[in-house]
Structure formats: C-alpha cells, structure tokens
Amino acid sequence: MTVLSPEKKREIAEHAFLHNLFPDAAGYFPNAKHHNRSRKNGINEYILLYCIEGEGWIKINGTTVTLTPNTAFIIPNNTPHKYGSAVKDAWSIYWVHFAGEYATTFYNRFSSPGNNAVKIAYDEQRIILLTELIQLLDSDLTDEKLELAHFKLITLLSSLCYSNTSDQNITEDRIDHSILFMKDNIHNIFSIDQLASQAKYSVSRYSELFRKKTGYAPIQFFIRLKIQKSCEYLYFTSQNIKEISKEVGFDDPYYFSRMFKKQIGISPMQYKKEHS
C-alpha cells in the first residue's frame, strides 16, 4: 500500500489539473485474513474497493454489502462505514482512495441503486492499470509521475463507470458488429451479400443502416479500413507494396495503389518514403 503525505496533497490541490482528480492512497491486499476498517465519521475521500478473490463485507448507511470476486463498491466521502474480509474465505482486494472535483461525478456514475455491489467483467488490463498506479504512488512522485497517476486513475474509473454503456452499445448494434467483423477479417474479400448476411439483414436494409451510421456504403467503408490498415504496415514493417496489398485483401497491387492514392492522396511508395 502507498499513501500520499499531507505535504504532497497540498501541492496537488494547487496543480492545474490534478485538483480535479487524484489518488490519495492505493494498495493490493492478497488473501487478507482479518483485514477490517472502521471509520465512525468516514473520511474526506472516496474509497474504491475491488474484490478479485474470496469474500468480504461493507457496512454503510444501515445496510451490509457483500463483495465477491469481480465485484466492486465505492464508499462515498464523509460517510461512516466499516468493512472487512470474510473469516472463512478471505478476500483479495485492490483499493484506491481518491478525491478531487471529478470524484463525485465518477461516484454517481458507478454506484448502483440500493447500495449494491457492482459486478465487473474481469479485465487483465485493469489489473495492470491498478498495479501501475500503486507503483507510481510508491515512486519519487515527480510532477510528471503524479500527472501520469492522475490520468491512469481517470482511465481506471472510466473503465468501471462506463463499461455497461459501452458493452450495451456493442451488443445491441449489429452495424457495430459488422464493422468489427470487417476489422477482424481485413485480409479477406467479401461481397455486399456476404456482409449483409453476416449482419443478419437484407442487402437493402443493411446498406441503408450502414450508410446512416458511417456515411459510407459498406464496401466503400471496408476498402477504407483496408487502406488505413495498409498505412500501419507501410509505417511499421519492411514489407513491400505487393506483400502489403495481399495482407489487406487486394490481389492486384496496382488496384491497391490506385485505391490508396484515391483515399490518402499519395501513392503507397511515396507514403512509405515520407513516413518510414
């Protein structure tokens, strides 16, 4: 665990943007037997408790909240509370104390009605982010590192607060699914009939909805994705134009070059010379 000193907190309060959101303390307690806290008056910070294993409890506002693997809870500031690990199956938790002008908004976005624990889909990147945040707070805390901690905290809280909104949009929108399908199959060639069938629409309905969402016809959009991907190959690899055209699903490198110049404004060879 790492905790900021009162002196460092005073410095943060005067920073151009750190005052908006900053972590006061953070830590990871694995298999935390006998871990418990009791604060009669609460503290002037929000407390994120994220359980990844075992079980624990939080007593707040006259109710008891149970935390199990892949659930989390944010205790609001200045609110009396108690929390601790279960006796038989000790929890493993990440925790972050945070404050700042954005803190209340993040709390309101995350918290569920009725003071229930919030289920969180496990994401290895979130664990990496938490570990990096703890390491940053445990470092020499230069201005640059504090600023990086600020941005990592925003990323962390955003991943928690808006995951349901993002997941719902992806799940419910078949056009988004179709775009993801295109990106995953950038090396393939599909007809409009195949793309519409994959999205479970008629060709006319699929084309209508796709253009409404993206501003492009499906095949035109797919070609644009291919050209954008080819820019990455041109920039990051030593492959020649013929090899790259095959990577993005063009059998004819001359046709690929024409499409590339039409979209980017210069030939693939010129792009490679200017950006590699």
Protein backbone atom coordinates (compact mmCIF):
# COMPACT_ATOMS: atom_id res chain seq x y z
CA MET A 1 0.00 0.00 0.00
CA THR A 2 1.08 3.58 -0.62
CA VAL A 3 -0.26 6.78 0.91
CA LEU A 4 0.44 10.37 -0.09
CA SER A 5 1.85 12.68 2.54
CA PRO A 6 -0.15 15.75 3.69
CA GLU A 7 2.51 17.96 2.09
CA LYS A 8 2.12 16.25 -1.28
CA LYS A 9 -1.67 16.56 -1.03
CA ARG A 10 -1.32 20.31 -0.52
CA GLU A 11 0.84 20.52 -3.65
CA ILE A 12 -1.76 18.60 -5.63
CA ALA A 13 -4.56 20.91 -4.51
CA GLU A 14 -2.79 23.77 -6.32
CA HIS A 15 -1.95 21.85 -9.50
CA ALA A 16 -3.54 22.97 -12.77
CA PHE A 17 -5.50 19.74 -13.28
CA LEU A 18 -4.56 17.30 -10.51
CA HIS A 19 -7.04 19.07 -8.24
CA ASN A 20 -9.77 17.63 -10.48
CA LEU A 21 -8.93 14.04 -9.57
CA PHE A 22 -6.05 12.37 -7.78
CA PRO A 23 -5.39 9.17 -5.80
CA ASP A 24 -4.58 9.73 -2.12
CA ALA A 25 -3.67 6.11 -1.49
CA ALA A 26 -3.77 2.74 -3.22
CA GLY A 27 -2.91 -0.85 -2.47
CA TYR A 28 -3.41 -4.55 -3.01
CA PHE A 29 -4.13 -6.95 -0.16
CA PRO A 30 -3.99 -10.62 -1.26
CA ASN A 31 -5.76 -13.21 0.89
CA ALA A 32 -6.27 -10.51 3.51
CA LYS A 33 -7.30 -12.52 6.56
CA HIS A 34 -8.52 -10.42 9.50
CA HIS A 35 -8.46 -7.27 7.34
CA ASN A 36 -11.00 -4.72 8.55
CA ARG A 37 -11.51 -0.97 8.92
CA SER A 38 -13.97 1.11 10.93
CA ARG A 39 -14.42 4.86 10.47
CA LYS A 40 -17.15 6.45 12.59
CA ASN A 41 -17.16 9.68 10.63
CA GLY A 42 -15.85 8.42 7.31
CA ILE A 43 -13.03 10.27 5.54
CA ASN A 44 -12.92 13.17 3.12
CA GLU A 45 -12.14 10.85 0.20
CA TYR A 46 -13.94 8.25 -1.88
CA ILE A 47 -12.83 4.64 -1.41
CA LEU A 48 -12.91 2.13 -4.25
CA LEU A 49 -12.83 -1.50 -3.06
CA TYR A 50 -12.40 -4.04 -5.88
CA CYS A 51 -12.56 -7.72 -4.90
CA ILE A 52 -10.87 -10.25 -7.20
CA GLU A 53 -10.94 -13.33 -4.92
CA GLY A 54 -12.68 -14.51 -1.76
CA GLU A 55 -15.37 -12.55 0.02
CA GLY A 56 -15.82 -9.53 2.25
CA TRP A 57 -18.39 -7.10 3.53
CA ILE A 58 -19.10 -3.38 3.85
CA LYS A 59 -21.48 -1.87 6.39
CA ILE A 60 -22.76 1.51 5.34
CA ASN A 61 -25.99 3.50 5.73
CA GLY A 62 -27.60 0.74 7.77
CA THR A 63 -27.02 -1.98 5.17
CA THR A 64 -24.43 -4.68 4.60
CA VAL A 65 -22.91 -5.03 1.15
CA THR A 66 -21.23 -8.31 0.22
CA LEU A 67 -18.22 -8.23 -2.09
CA THR A 68 -17.39 -11.39 -4.04
CA PRO A 69 -14.95 -11.99 -6.92
CA ASN A 70 -15.29 -9.45 -9.75
CA THR A 71 -17.41 -7.00 -7.78
CA ALA A 72 -16.62 -3.53 -6.53
CA PHE A 73 -18.04 -0.77 -4.40
CA ILE A 74 -17.22 2.91 -3.87
CA ILE A 75 -17.69 4.26 -0.36
CA PRO A 76 -18.64 7.95 -0.57
CA ASN A 77 -16.73 10.61 1.27
CA ASN A 78 -17.64 11.71 4.80
CA THR A 79 -19.84 8.63 5.29
CA PRO A 80 -19.50 6.37 8.37
CA HIS A 81 -18.59 2.83 7.38
CA LYS A 82 -16.99 -0.46 8.29
CA TYR A 83 -15.58 -3.13 6.03
CA GLY A 84 -13.64 -6.33 6.33
CA SER A 85 -12.74 -9.73 4.98
CA ALA A 86 -14.85 -12.84 5.43
CA VAL A 87 -13.45 -15.28 8.01
CA LYS A 88 -13.64 -18.50 6.00
CA ASP A 89 -12.81 -17.18 2.52
CA ALA A 90 -10.57 -14.13 2.90
CA TRP A 91 -10.81 -11.57 0.15
CA SER A 92 -8.09 -10.30 -2.13
CA ILE A 93 -8.76 -6.68 -2.94
CA TYR A 94 -7.39 -3.69 -4.75
CA TRP A 95 -8.32 -0.38 -3.16
CA VAL A 96 -7.92 3.26 -4.10
CA HIS A 97 -8.70 6.40 -2.12
CA PHE A 98 -9.42 9.32 -4.43
CA ALA A 99 -10.62 12.91 -4.25
CA GLY A 100 -10.99 15.99 -6.43
CA GLU A 101 -13.69 17.86 -8.28
CA TYR A 102 -14.45 14.91 -10.59
CA ALA A 103 -14.73 12.40 -7.74
CA THR A 104 -18.43 12.87 -7.03
CA THR A 105 -19.35 12.51 -10.70
CA PHE A 106 -17.43 9.25 -11.01
CA TYR A 107 -19.07 8.00 -7.81
CA ASN A 108 -22.55 8.83 -9.11
CA ARG A 109 -21.85 7.18 -12.48
CA PHE A 110 -20.57 3.99 -10.84
CA SER A 111 -22.88 3.42 -7.87
CA SER A 112 -25.94 1.24 -8.28
CA PRO A 113 -29.38 1.87 -6.75
CA GLY A 114 -29.79 0.42 -3.28
CA ASN A 115 -26.13 0.45 -2.34
CA ASN A 116 -25.40 -2.88 -4.01
CA ALA A 117 -22.00 -4.17 -5.12
CA VAL A 118 -21.39 -3.63 -8.83
CA LYS A 119 -20.42 -6.60 -10.97
CA ILE A 120 -17.32 -6.05 -13.10
CA ALA A 121 -16.17 -8.17 -16.02
CA TYR A 122 -12.61 -9.28 -15.33
CA ASP A 123 -10.08 -7.44 -17.46
CA GLU A 124 -6.35 -8.09 -17.17
CA GLN A 125 -5.63 -4.56 -18.41
CA ARG A 126 -7.48 -3.17 -15.39
CA ILE A 127 -5.24 -5.19 -13.05
CA ILE A 128 -2.17 -3.89 -14.88
CA LEU A 129 -3.52 -0.35 -14.55
CA LEU A 130 -4.05 -0.75 -10.80
CA THR A 131 -0.56 -2.17 -10.35
CA GLU A 132 0.96 0.72 -12.29
CA LEU A 133 -1.00 3.20 -10.20
CA ILE A 134 0.31 1.67 -6.96
CA GLN A 135 3.87 1.70 -8.31
CA LEU A 136 3.58 5.33 -9.34
CA LEU A 137 2.42 6.40 -5.88
CA ASP A 138 5.30 4.41 -4.41
CA SER A 139 7.86 6.21 -6.58
CA ASP A 140 9.65 9.53 -6.10
CA LEU A 141 6.44 11.39 -7.11
CA THR A 142 7.78 13.96 -9.51
CA ASP A 143 5.20 16.23 -11.12
CA GLU A 144 5.26 14.07 -14.25
CA LYS A 145 4.56 10.88 -12.28
CA LEU A 146 1.75 12.50 -10.33
CA GLU A 147 0.20 13.68 -13.57
CA LEU A 148 0.52 10.18 -15.01
CA ALA A 149 -1.18 8.80 -11.87
CA HIS A 150 -3.99 11.30 -12.44
CA PHE A 151 -4.55 10.06 -16.00
CA LYS A 152 -4.32 6.40 -15.01
CA LEU A 153 -6.93 6.98 -12.32
CA ILE A 154 -9.24 8.62 -14.85
CA THR A 155 -8.73 5.64 -17.18
CA LEU A 156 -9.42 3.20 -14.35
CA LEU A 157 -12.59 4.89 -13.14
CA SER A 158 -13.83 5.38 -16.70
CA SER A 159 -13.38 1.66 -17.39
CA LEU A 160 -15.56 0.95 -14.36
CA CYS A 161 -18.18 3.66 -14.74
CA TYR A 162 -18.90 3.40 -18.46
CA SER A 163 -18.31 -0.28 -19.19
CA ASN A 164 -22.02 -1.14 -19.21
CA THR A 165 -22.81 1.69 -21.61
CA SER A 166 -20.03 0.64 -23.97
CA ASP A 167 -20.87 -3.07 -23.76
CA GLN A 168 -24.55 -2.41 -24.36
CA ASN A 169 -23.88 -0.38 -27.49
CA ILE A 170 -21.63 -3.07 -28.94
CA THR A 171 -24.03 -5.87 -28.07
CA GLU A 172 -27.16 -4.24 -29.43
CA ASP A 173 -25.86 -2.64 -32.60
CA ARG A 174 -25.41 -5.11 -35.44
CA ILE A 175 -23.75 -2.48 -37.62
CA ASP A 176 -21.03 -2.09 -34.97
CA HIS A 177 -20.66 -5.86 -35.03
CA SER A 178 -20.33 -5.72 -38.78
CA ILE A 179 -17.56 -3.13 -38.54
CA LEU A 180 -15.73 -5.28 -36.00
CA PHE A 181 -16.15 -8.24 -38.35
CA MET A 182 -14.55 -6.21 -41.14
CA LYS A 183 -11.62 -5.25 -38.93
CA ASP A 184 -11.09 -8.85 -37.84
CA ASN A 185 -11.16 -10.01 -41.47
CA ILE A 186 -9.28 -7.17 -43.11
CA HIS A 187 -7.30 -9.66 -45.24
CA ASN A 188 -10.45 -11.17 -46.77
CA ILE A 189 -12.70 -10.13 -49.63
CA PHE A 190 -16.47 -10.01 -49.08
CA SER A 191 -19.41 -9.16 -51.30
CA ILE A 192 -22.21 -6.92 -50.09
CA ASP A 193 -24.42 -10.03 -49.90
CA GLN A 194 -21.96 -11.77 -47.58
CA LEU A 195 -21.64 -8.75 -45.29
CA ALA A 196 -25.40 -8.27 -45.11
CA SER A 197 -25.90 -11.97 -44.35
CA GLN A 198 -23.29 -11.85 -41.59
CA ALA A 199 -25.15 -8.88 -40.04
CA LYS A 200 -28.49 -10.72 -40.48
CA TYR A 201 -30.03 -8.02 -42.68
CA SER A 202 -31.27 -7.88 -46.23
CA VAL A 203 -28.83 -6.13 -48.56
CA SER A 204 -31.04 -3.07 -48.92
CA ARG A 205 -31.67 -2.71 -45.17
CA TYR A 206 -28.03 -3.36 -44.29
CA SER A 207 -26.82 -0.78 -46.81
CA GLU A 208 -29.33 1.77 -45.53
CA LEU A 209 -28.40 1.33 -41.86
CA PHE A 210 -24.66 1.16 -42.58
CA ARG A 211 -24.66 4.40 -44.57
CA LYS A 212 -26.80 6.08 -41.91
CA LYS A 213 -24.28 5.15 -39.21
CA THR A 214 -20.99 5.70 -41.05
CA GLY A 215 -21.75 7.92 -44.02
CA TYR A 216 -20.33 5.27 -46.36
CA ALA A 217 -21.59 2.29 -48.32
CA PRO A 218 -20.41 -0.98 -46.71
CA ILE A 219 -17.89 -1.98 -49.41
CA GLN A 220 -16.57 1.57 -49.61
CA PHE A 221 -16.11 1.59 -45.84
CA PHE A 222 -14.39 -1.82 -45.92
CA ILE A 223 -11.93 -0.54 -48.52
CA ARG A 224 -11.22 2.49 -46.34
CA LEU A 225 -10.43 0.17 -43.41
CA LYS A 226 -8.08 -1.80 -45.64
CA ILE A 227 -6.24 1.34 -46.74
CA GLN A 228 -5.97 2.57 -43.16
CA LYS A 229 -4.53 -0.79 -42.12
CA SER A 230 -2.08 -0.70 -45.00
CA CYS A 231 -0.76 2.62 -43.67
CA GLU A 232 0.23 0.78 -40.49
CA TYR A 233 2.07 -1.87 -42.50
CA LEU A 234 3.84 0.79 -44.54
CA TYR A 235 4.89 2.64 -41.41
CA PHE A 236 5.80 -0.21 -39.08
CA THR A 237 7.07 -3.01 -41.35
CA SER A 238 9.61 -3.53 -44.13
CA GLN A 239 7.13 -5.36 -46.37
CA ASN A 240 6.94 -4.26 -50.00
CA ILE A 241 3.82 -2.93 -51.71
CA LYS A 242 2.86 -6.30 -53.19
CA GLU A 243 3.10 -8.03 -49.81
CA ILE A 244 1.10 -5.33 -48.06
CA SER A 245 -1.62 -5.36 -50.70
CA LYS A 246 -2.10 -9.09 -50.04
CA GLU A 247 -2.14 -8.51 -46.26
CA VAL A 248 -5.18 -6.25 -46.65
CA GLY A 249 -7.00 -8.38 -49.21
CA PHE A 250 -6.03 -6.86 -52.58
CA ASP A 251 -4.96 -9.49 -55.15
CA ASP A 252 -3.94 -6.78 -57.61
CA PRO A 253 -1.23 -4.42 -56.21
CA TYR A 254 -1.95 -1.88 -58.98
CA TYR A 255 -5.60 -1.67 -57.96
CA PHE A 256 -4.46 -1.39 -54.34
CA SER A 257 -2.17 1.51 -55.27
CA ARG A 258 -5.00 3.31 -57.09
CA MET A 259 -7.35 2.91 -54.12
CA PHE A 260 -4.59 4.03 -51.74
CA LYS A 261 -3.86 7.20 -53.69
CA LYS A 262 -7.57 7.93 -54.04
CA GLN A 263 -8.03 7.84 -50.26
CA ILE A 264 -4.69 9.10 -48.92
CA GLY A 265 -3.75 11.47 -51.74
CA ILE A 266 -0.31 9.98 -52.45
CA SER A 267 0.95 6.60 -53.62
CA PRO A 268 1.87 3.84 -51.15
CA MET A 269 5.54 4.16 -52.12
CA GLN A 270 5.53 7.90 -51.52
CA TYR A 271 3.75 7.39 -48.19
CA LYS A 272 6.40 4.89 -47.13
CA LYS A 273 9.22 7.26 -48.08
CA GLU A 274 7.68 10.16 -46.16
CA HIS A 275 6.68 8.26 -43.00
CA SER A 276 9.13 5.38 -42.54
